[in-house]
PDB file of N, CA and C in Angstrom:
ATOM      1  N   MET A   1     108.991  77.056 101.218  1.00  0.00           N
ATOM      2  CA  MET A   1     108.429  77.191 100.198  1.00  0.00           C
ATOM      3  C   MET A   1     109.529  77.895  99.274  1.00  0.00           C
ATOM      4  N   ASP A   2     110.143  77.567  98.059  1.00  0.00           N
ATOM      5  CA  ASP A   2     111.343  77.633  97.240  1.00  0.00           C
ATOM      6  C   ASP A   2     110.459  79.437  96.677  1.00  0.00           C
ATOM      7  N   PRO A   3     111.555  80.301  96.879  1.00  0.00           N
ATOM      8  CA  PRO A   3     111.016  81.585  96.344  1.00  0.00           C
ATOM      9  C   PRO A   3     110.685  81.662  94.965  1.00  0.00           C
ATOM     10  N   ASP A   4     111.540  81.154  94.112  1.00  0.00           N
ATOM     11  CA  ASP A   4     111.319  81.118  92.779  1.00  0.00           C
ATOM     12  C   ASP A   4     109.535  80.359  92.243  1.00  0.00           C
ATOM     13  N   LEU A   5     109.087  79.529  93.498  1.00  0.00           N
ATOM     14  CA  LEU A   5     107.854  78.879  93.121  1.00  0.00           C
ATOM     15  C   LEU A   5     106.817  80.231  93.279  1.00  0.00           C
ATOM     16  N   ALA A   6     107.616  80.735  94.858  1.00  0.00           N
ATOM     17  CA  ALA A   6     106.317  81.770  95.502  1.00  0.00           C
ATOM     18  C   ALA A   6     106.540  83.181  94.606  1.00  0.00           C
ATOM     19  N   LEU A   7     107.550  83.365  93.553  1.00  0.00           N
ATOM     20  CA  LEU A   7     107.378  84.264  92.476  1.00  0.00           C
ATOM     21  C   LEU A   7     106.130  83.901  91.517  1.00  0.00           C
ATOM     22  N   VAL A   8     106.266  82.946  91.022  1.00  0.00           N
ATOM     23  CA  VAL A   8     105.781  82.384  90.072  1.00  0.00           C
ATOM     24  C   VAL A   8     103.906  82.346  90.038  1.00  0.00           C
ATOM     25  N   LEU A   9     103.842  81.744  91.475  1.00  0.00           N
ATOM     26  CA  LEU A   9     102.489  81.840  91.711  1.00  0.00           C
ATOM     27  C   LEU A   9     102.191  82.946  92.406  1.00  0.00           C
ATOM     28  N   GLY A  10     102.658  83.780  92.746  1.00  0.00           N
ATOM     29  CA  GLY A  10     102.188  85.694  92.965  1.00  0.00           C
ATOM     30  C   GLY A  10     101.923  86.002  91.899  1.00  0.00           C
ATOM     31  N   ILE A  11     102.456  85.819  90.824  1.00  0.00           N
ATOM     32  CA  ILE A  11     102.378  86.214  89.463  1.00  0.00           C
ATOM     33  C   ILE A  11     101.412  85.850  88.583  1.00  0.00           C
ATOM     34  N   VAL A  12     100.845  84.226  88.544  1.00  0.00           N
ATOM     35  CA  VAL A  12     100.085  84.302  88.293  1.00  0.00           C
ATOM     36  C   VAL A  12      98.855  84.279  88.849  1.00  0.00           C
ATOM     37  N   ILE A  13      98.489  84.515  90.077  1.00  0.00           N
ATOM     38  CA  ILE A  13      97.734  84.570  90.831  1.00  0.00           C
ATOM     39  C   ILE A  13      96.877  85.788  90.657  1.00  0.00           C
ATOM     40  N   GLY A  14      98.025  86.766  90.437  1.00  0.00           N
ATOM     41  CA  GLY A  14      97.961  88.340  90.264  1.00  0.00           C
ATOM     42  C   GLY A  14      97.187  88.980  89.406  1.00  0.00           C
ATOM     43  N   ALA A  15      98.039  87.949  87.969  1.00  0.00           N
ATOM     44  CA  ALA A  15      97.285  88.387  86.628  1.00  0.00           C
ATOM     45  C   ALA A  15      96.075  87.423  86.832  1.00  0.00           C
ATOM     46  N   LEU A  16      95.671  86.304  86.965  1.00  0.00           N
ATOM     47  CA  LEU A  16      94.077  85.792  86.714  1.00  0.00           C
ATOM     48  C   LEU A  16      93.164  86.457  87.815  1.00  0.00           C
ATOM     49  N   SER A  17      93.650  87.058  88.731  1.00  0.00           N
ATOM     50  CA  SER A  17      92.667  87.887  89.714  1.00  0.00           C
ATOM     51  C   SER A  17      91.944  89.593  89.014  1.00  0.00           C
ATOM     52  N   ILE A  18      92.959  89.923  87.499  1.00  0.00           N
ATOM     53  CA  ILE A  18      92.657  91.030  87.184  1.00  0.00           C
ATOM     54  C   ILE A  18      91.322  91.108  86.259  1.00  0.00           C
ATOM     55  N   PRO A  19      91.239  89.873  85.576  1.00  0.00           N
ATOM     56  CA  PRO A  19      89.464  89.898  84.900  1.00  0.00           C
ATOM     57  C   PRO A  19      88.344  90.048  86.181  1.00  0.00           C
ATOM     58  N   SER A  20      88.360  89.465  87.511  1.00  0.00           N
ATOM     59  CA  SER A  20      87.643  89.519  88.115  1.00  0.00           C
ATOM     60  C   SER A  20      87.230  90.536  88.999  1.00  0.00           C
ATOM     61  N   ILE A  21      88.409  91.502  89.044  1.00  0.00           N
ATOM     62  CA  ILE A  21      88.082  93.263  89.616  1.00  0.00           C
ATOM     63  C   ILE A  21      87.240  93.628  88.117  1.00  0.00           C
ATOM     64  N   LEU A  22      88.105  93.553  87.063  1.00  0.00           N
ATOM     65  CA  LEU A  22      87.104  94.155  86.151  1.00  0.00           C
ATOM     66  C   LEU A  22      85.880  93.501  85.989  1.00  0.00           C
ATOM     67  N   SER A  23      85.598  93.007  86.421  1.00  0.00           N
ATOM     68  CA  SER A  23      83.971  91.652  86.250  1.00  0.00           C
ATOM     69  C   SER A  23      83.223  92.786  87.569  1.00  0.00           C
ATOM     70  N   ALA A  24      83.909  92.782  88.699  1.00  0.00           N
ATOM     71  CA  ALA A  24      83.034  93.299  89.823  1.00  0.00           C
ATOM     72  C   ALA A  24      83.152  94.804  89.756  1.00  0.00           C
ATOM     73  N   LEU A  25      84.099  95.395  88.832  1.00  0.00           N
ATOM     74  CA  LEU A  25      83.681  96.607  89.003  1.00  0.00           C
ATOM     75  C   LEU A  25      82.499  96.968  87.513  1.00  0.00           C
ATOM     76  N   SER A  26      82.442  96.659  86.771  1.00  0.00           N
ATOM     77  CA  SER A  26      81.592  96.497  85.384  1.00  0.00           C
ATOM     78  C   SER A  26      80.684  96.204  86.129  1.00  0.00           C
ATOM     79  N   ASP A  27      79.964  95.566  87.094  1.00  0.00           N
ATOM     80  CA  ASP A  27      78.846  95.103  87.828  1.00  0.00           C
ATOM     81  C   ASP A  27      78.352  95.969  89.028  1.00  0.00           C
ATOM     82  N   ARG A  28      79.331  96.827  89.115  1.00  0.00           N
ATOM     83  CA  ARG A  28      79.260  97.882  90.184  1.00  0.00           C
ATOM     84  C   ARG A  28      79.325  97.031  91.592  1.00  0.00           C
ATOM     85  N   ARG A  29      80.022  96.108  91.978  1.00  0.00           N
ATOM     86  CA  ARG A  29      80.252  95.653  92.989  1.00  0.00           C
ATOM     87  C   ARG A  29      81.709  95.873  93.679  1.00  0.00           C
ATOM     88  N   ALA A  30      81.534  95.642  94.808  1.00  0.00           N
ATOM     89  CA  ALA A  30      82.853  95.879  95.275  1.00  0.00           C
ATOM     90  C   ALA A  30      83.522  94.705  95.413  1.00  0.00           C
ATOM     91  N   PRO A  31      84.783  94.859  94.508  1.00  0.00           N
ATOM     92  CA  PRO A  31      85.992  93.742  94.194  1.00  0.00           C
ATOM     93  C   PRO A  31      86.530  93.077  95.434  1.00  0.00           C
ATOM     94  N   ARG A  32      85.721  92.614  96.776  1.00  0.00           N
ATOM     95  CA  ARG A  32      86.144  92.084  98.148  1.00  0.00           C
ATOM     96  C   ARG A  32      86.705  90.657  97.736  1.00  0.00           C
ATOM     97  N   ALA A  33      86.468  89.679  96.866  1.00  0.00           N
ATOM     98  CA  ALA A  33      87.705  88.502  96.750  1.00  0.00           C
ATOM     99  C   ALA A  33      88.629  88.305  96.071  1.00  0.00           C
ATOM    100  N   SER A  34      88.482  89.883  94.841  1.00  0.00           N
ATOM    101  CA  SER A  34      89.684  89.959  93.978  1.00  0.00           C
ATOM    102  C   SER A  34      90.516  90.918  94.771  1.00  0.00           C
ATOM    103  N   ALA A  35      90.113  91.393  96.012  1.00  0.00           N
ATOM    104  CA  ALA A  35      91.089  92.338  96.779  1.00  0.00           C
ATOM    105  C   ALA A  35      91.730  91.462  97.421  1.00  0.00           C
ATOM    106  N   LEU A  36      91.286  90.336  97.981  1.00  0.00           N
ATOM    107  CA  LEU A  36      91.901  89.335  99.304  1.00  0.00           C
ATOM    108  C   LEU A  36      92.981  88.392  97.897  1.00  0.00           C
ATOM    109  N   THR A  37      92.910  88.398  96.507  1.00  0.00           N
ATOM    110  CA  THR A  37      93.644  87.607  96.000  1.00  0.00           C
ATOM    111  C   THR A  37      94.809  88.752  95.811  1.00  0.00           C
ATOM    112  N   ILE A  38      94.678  89.799  95.657  1.00  0.00           N
ATOM    113  CA  ILE A  38      96.102  90.303  95.007  1.00  0.00           C
ATOM    114  C   ILE A  38      96.779  90.853  96.355  1.00  0.00           C
ATOM    115  N   LEU A  39      95.981  90.610  97.793  1.00  0.00           N
ATOM    116  CA  LEU A  39      96.861  90.523  98.730  1.00  0.00           C
ATOM    117  C   LEU A  39      97.592  89.603  98.700  1.00  0.00           C
ATOM    118  N   ILE A  40      97.108  88.115  98.565  1.00  0.00           N
ATOM    119  CA  ILE A  40      97.545  86.965  98.571  1.00  0.00           C
ATOM    120  C   ILE A  40      98.974  87.560  97.348  1.00  0.00           C
ATOM    121  N   ALA A  41      98.824  87.681  96.252  1.00  0.00           N
ATOM    122  CA  ALA A  41      99.789  87.469  95.060  1.00  0.00           C
ATOM    123  C   ALA A  41     100.577  88.405  95.866  1.00  0.00           C
ATOM    124  N   GLY A  42     100.395  89.725  96.104  1.00  0.00           N
ATOM    125  CA  GLY A  42     101.650  90.636  96.597  1.00  0.00           C
ATOM    126  C   GLY A  42     102.227  89.959  97.793  1.00  0.00           C
ATOM    127  N   GLY A  43     101.507  89.504  98.604  1.00  0.00           N
ATOM    128  CA  GLY A  43     102.306  88.332  99.653  1.00  0.00           C
ATOM    129  C   GLY A  43     103.361  87.419  99.280  1.00  0.00           C
ATOM    130  N   LEU A  44     103.062  86.944  98.387  1.00  0.00           N
ATOM    131  CA  LEU A  44     103.696  85.816  97.786  1.00  0.00           C
ATOM    132  C   LEU A  44     105.261  86.319  96.801  1.00  0.00           C
ATOM    133  N   VAL A  45     104.958  87.667  95.992  1.00  0.00           N
ATOM    134  CA  VAL A  45     106.195  88.271  95.497  1.00  0.00           C
ATOM    135  C   VAL A  45     106.628  88.433  96.506  1.00  0.00           C
ATOM    136  N   LEU A  46     106.453  89.398  97.456  1.00  0.00           N
ATOM    137  CA  LEU A  46     107.316  89.939  98.586  1.00  0.00           C
ATOM    138  C   LEU A  46     107.952  88.971  99.294  1.00  0.00           C
ATOM    139  N   TYR A  47     107.791  87.570  99.476  1.00  0.00           N
ATOM    140  CA  TYR A  47     108.380  86.749 100.231  1.00  0.00           C
ATOM    141  C   TYR A  47     109.342  86.667  99.181  1.00  0.00           C
ATOM    142  N   ALA A  48     108.940  86.272  98.164  1.00  0.00           N
ATOM    143  CA  ALA A  48     110.011  85.594  97.184  1.00  0.00           C
ATOM    144  C   ALA A  48     111.141  86.285  97.218  1.00  0.00           C
ATOM    145  N   ALA A  49     110.750  87.761  97.375  1.00  0.00           N
ATOM    146  CA  ALA A  49     111.849  89.111  96.694  1.00  0.00           C
ATOM    147  C   ALA A  49     112.626  89.187  98.372  1.00  0.00           C
ATOM    148  N   GLN A  50     112.322  88.772  99.515  1.00  0.00           N
ATOM    149  CA  GLN A  50     112.841  88.898 100.675  1.00  0.00           C
ATOM    150  C   GLN A  50     113.685  87.519 101.277  1.00  0.00           C
ATOM    151  N   ASN A  51     113.228  86.237 100.301  1.00  0.00           N
ATOM    152  CA  ASN A  51     113.890  84.961 100.201  1.00  0.00           C
ATOM    153  C   ASN A  51     114.959  84.575  99.680  1.00  0.00           C
ATOM    154  N   LYS A  52     115.120  85.776  98.506  1.00  0.00           N
ATOM    155  CA  LYS A  52     116.246  85.127  97.552  1.00  0.00           C
ATOM    156  C   LYS A  52     116.986  86.307  97.947  1.00  0.00           C
ATOM    157  N   PRO A  53     118.363  86.256  98.081  1.00  0.00           N
ATOM    158  CA  PRO A  53     119.639  87.199  98.543  1.00  0.00           C
ATOM    159  C   PRO A  53     119.893  88.205  97.539  1.00  0.00           C
ATOM    160  N   GLN A  54     120.145  87.729  96.282  1.00  0.00           N
ATOM    161  CA  GLN A  54     120.331  89.244  95.194  1.00  0.00           C
ATOM    162  C   GLN A  54     118.914  89.519  94.400  1.00  0.00           C
ATOM    163  N   GLY A  55     117.845  88.968  94.903  1.00  0.00           N
ATOM    164  CA  GLY A  55     116.640  89.622  94.433  1.00  0.00           C
ATOM    165  C   GLY A  55     116.644  89.228  93.121  1.00  0.00           C
ATOM    166  N   TYR A  56     115.334  89.529  92.314  1.00  0.00           N
ATOM    167  CA  TYR A  56     115.328  89.414  91.120  1.00  0.00           C
ATOM    168  C   TYR A  56     115.719  90.754  89.766  1.00  0.00           C
ATOM    169  N   ALA A  57     115.885  90.348  89.000  1.00  0.00           N
ATOM    170  CA  ALA A  57     115.777  91.417  87.823  1.00  0.00           C
ATOM    171  C   ALA A  57     114.726  91.095  86.641  1.00  0.00           C
ATOM    172  N   LEU A  58     114.316  92.325  85.875  1.00  0.00           N
ATOM    173  CA  LEU A  58     113.052  91.838  85.436  1.00  0.00           C
ATOM    174  C   LEU A  58     113.678  90.880  84.467  1.00  0.00           C
ATOM    175  N   GLU A  59     114.563  91.335  83.346  1.00  0.00           N
ATOM    176  CA  GLU A  59     115.269  90.035  82.696  1.00  0.00           C
ATOM    177  C   GLU A  59     114.946  88.754  82.966  1.00  0.00           C
ATOM    178  N   GLU A  60     115.534  88.575  84.404  1.00  0.00           N
ATOM    179  CA  GLU A  60     115.358  86.968  84.834  1.00  0.00           C
ATOM    180  C   GLU A  60     114.191  86.462  85.032  1.00  0.00           C
ATOM    181  N   VAL A  61     113.036  86.922  84.961  1.00  0.00           N
ATOM    182  CA  VAL A  61     112.049  86.316  85.464  1.00  0.00           C
ATOM    183  C   VAL A  61     111.393  85.577  84.740  1.00  0.00           C
ATOM    184  N   PRO A  62     111.486  85.393  83.126  1.00  0.00           N
ATOM    185  CA  PRO A  62     110.999  84.567  82.354  1.00  0.00           C
ATOM    186  C   PRO A  62     111.816  83.377  82.513  1.00  0.00           C
ATOM    187  N   ASP A  63     112.984  83.189  82.580  1.00  0.00           N
ATOM    188  CA  ASP A  63     113.563  82.481  83.200  1.00  0.00           C
ATOM    189  C   ASP A  63     113.408  81.282  84.229  1.00  0.00           C
ATOM    190  N   VAL A  64     112.744  82.121  85.228  1.00  0.00           N
ATOM    191  CA  VAL A  64     112.331  81.544  86.503  1.00  0.00           C
ATOM    192  C   VAL A  64     111.283  80.954  85.845  1.00  0.00           C
ATOM    193  N   PHE A  65     110.119  81.567  85.497  1.00  0.00           N
ATOM    194  CA  PHE A  65     109.236  81.074  85.146  1.00  0.00           C
ATOM    195  C   PHE A  65     109.505  79.357  84.248  1.00  0.00           C
ATOM    196  N   VAL A  66     110.365  79.375  83.421  1.00  0.00           N
ATOM    197  CA  VAL A  66     110.622  77.874  82.891  1.00  0.00           C
ATOM    198  C   VAL A  66     111.212  77.293  83.634  1.00  0.00           C
ATOM    199  N   ASP A  67     112.127  77.789  84.381  1.00  0.00           N
ATOM    200  CA  ASP A  67     112.767  76.626  85.409  1.00  0.00           C
ATOM    201  C   ASP A  67     111.373  76.040  86.631  1.00  0.00           C
ATOM    202  N   VAL A  68     110.693  76.827  86.725  1.00  0.00           N
ATOM    203  CA  VAL A  68     109.635  76.349  87.665  1.00  0.00           C
ATOM    204  C   VAL A  68     108.965  75.570  87.137  1.00  0.00           C
ATOM    205  N   VAL A  69     108.455  75.524  85.775  1.00  0.00           N
ATOM    206  CA  VAL A  69     107.644  74.870  85.086  1.00  0.00           C
ATOM    207  C   VAL A  69     108.314  73.282  84.653  1.00  0.00           C
ATOM    208  N   ALA A  70     109.551  73.440  84.293  1.00  0.00           N
ATOM    209  CA  ALA A  70     110.466  72.171  83.959  1.00  0.00           C
ATOM    210  C   ALA A  70     110.508  71.237  85.343  1.00  0.00           C
ATOM    211  N   ARG A  71     110.675  72.358  86.594  1.00  0.00           N
ATOM    212  CA  ARG A  71     111.199  71.557  87.588  1.00  0.00           C
ATOM    213  C   ARG A  71     109.797  70.657  88.191  1.00  0.00           C
ATOM    214  N   TYR A  72     108.476  71.394  88.324  1.00  0.00           N
ATOM    215  CA  TYR A  72     107.037  70.680  88.708  1.00  0.00           C
ATOM    216  C   TYR A  72     106.289  70.093  87.620  1.00  0.00           C
ATOM    217  N   MET A  73     106.675  69.770  86.739  1.00  0.00           N
ATOM    218  CA  MET A  73     106.038  69.159  85.482  1.00  0.00           C
ATOM    219  C   MET A  73     106.761  67.869  85.204  1.00  0.00           C
ATOM    220  N   PRO A  74     105.814  66.536  85.094  1.00  0.00           N
ATOM    221  CA  PRO A  74     106.758  65.508  84.779  1.00  0.00           C
ATOM    222  C   PRO A  74     107.613  65.491  83.282  1.00  0.00           C
TER     223      PRO A  74
END
């Protein structure tokens, strides 16, 4: 898997799991599924960081998003 794609997927999955965590906590339930998605997102981001030799700078992340969307959108 491309490290840029893994980074974007990890960030998107992590961002989408935040409302699920908040919903579970407000209903006084354990956020089990949300915790699993956070672990998956963290694993994807870690995979991306380890497989790109020079790593990612914070100001580089928006360019990575645009590149990945441009690459995979027809």
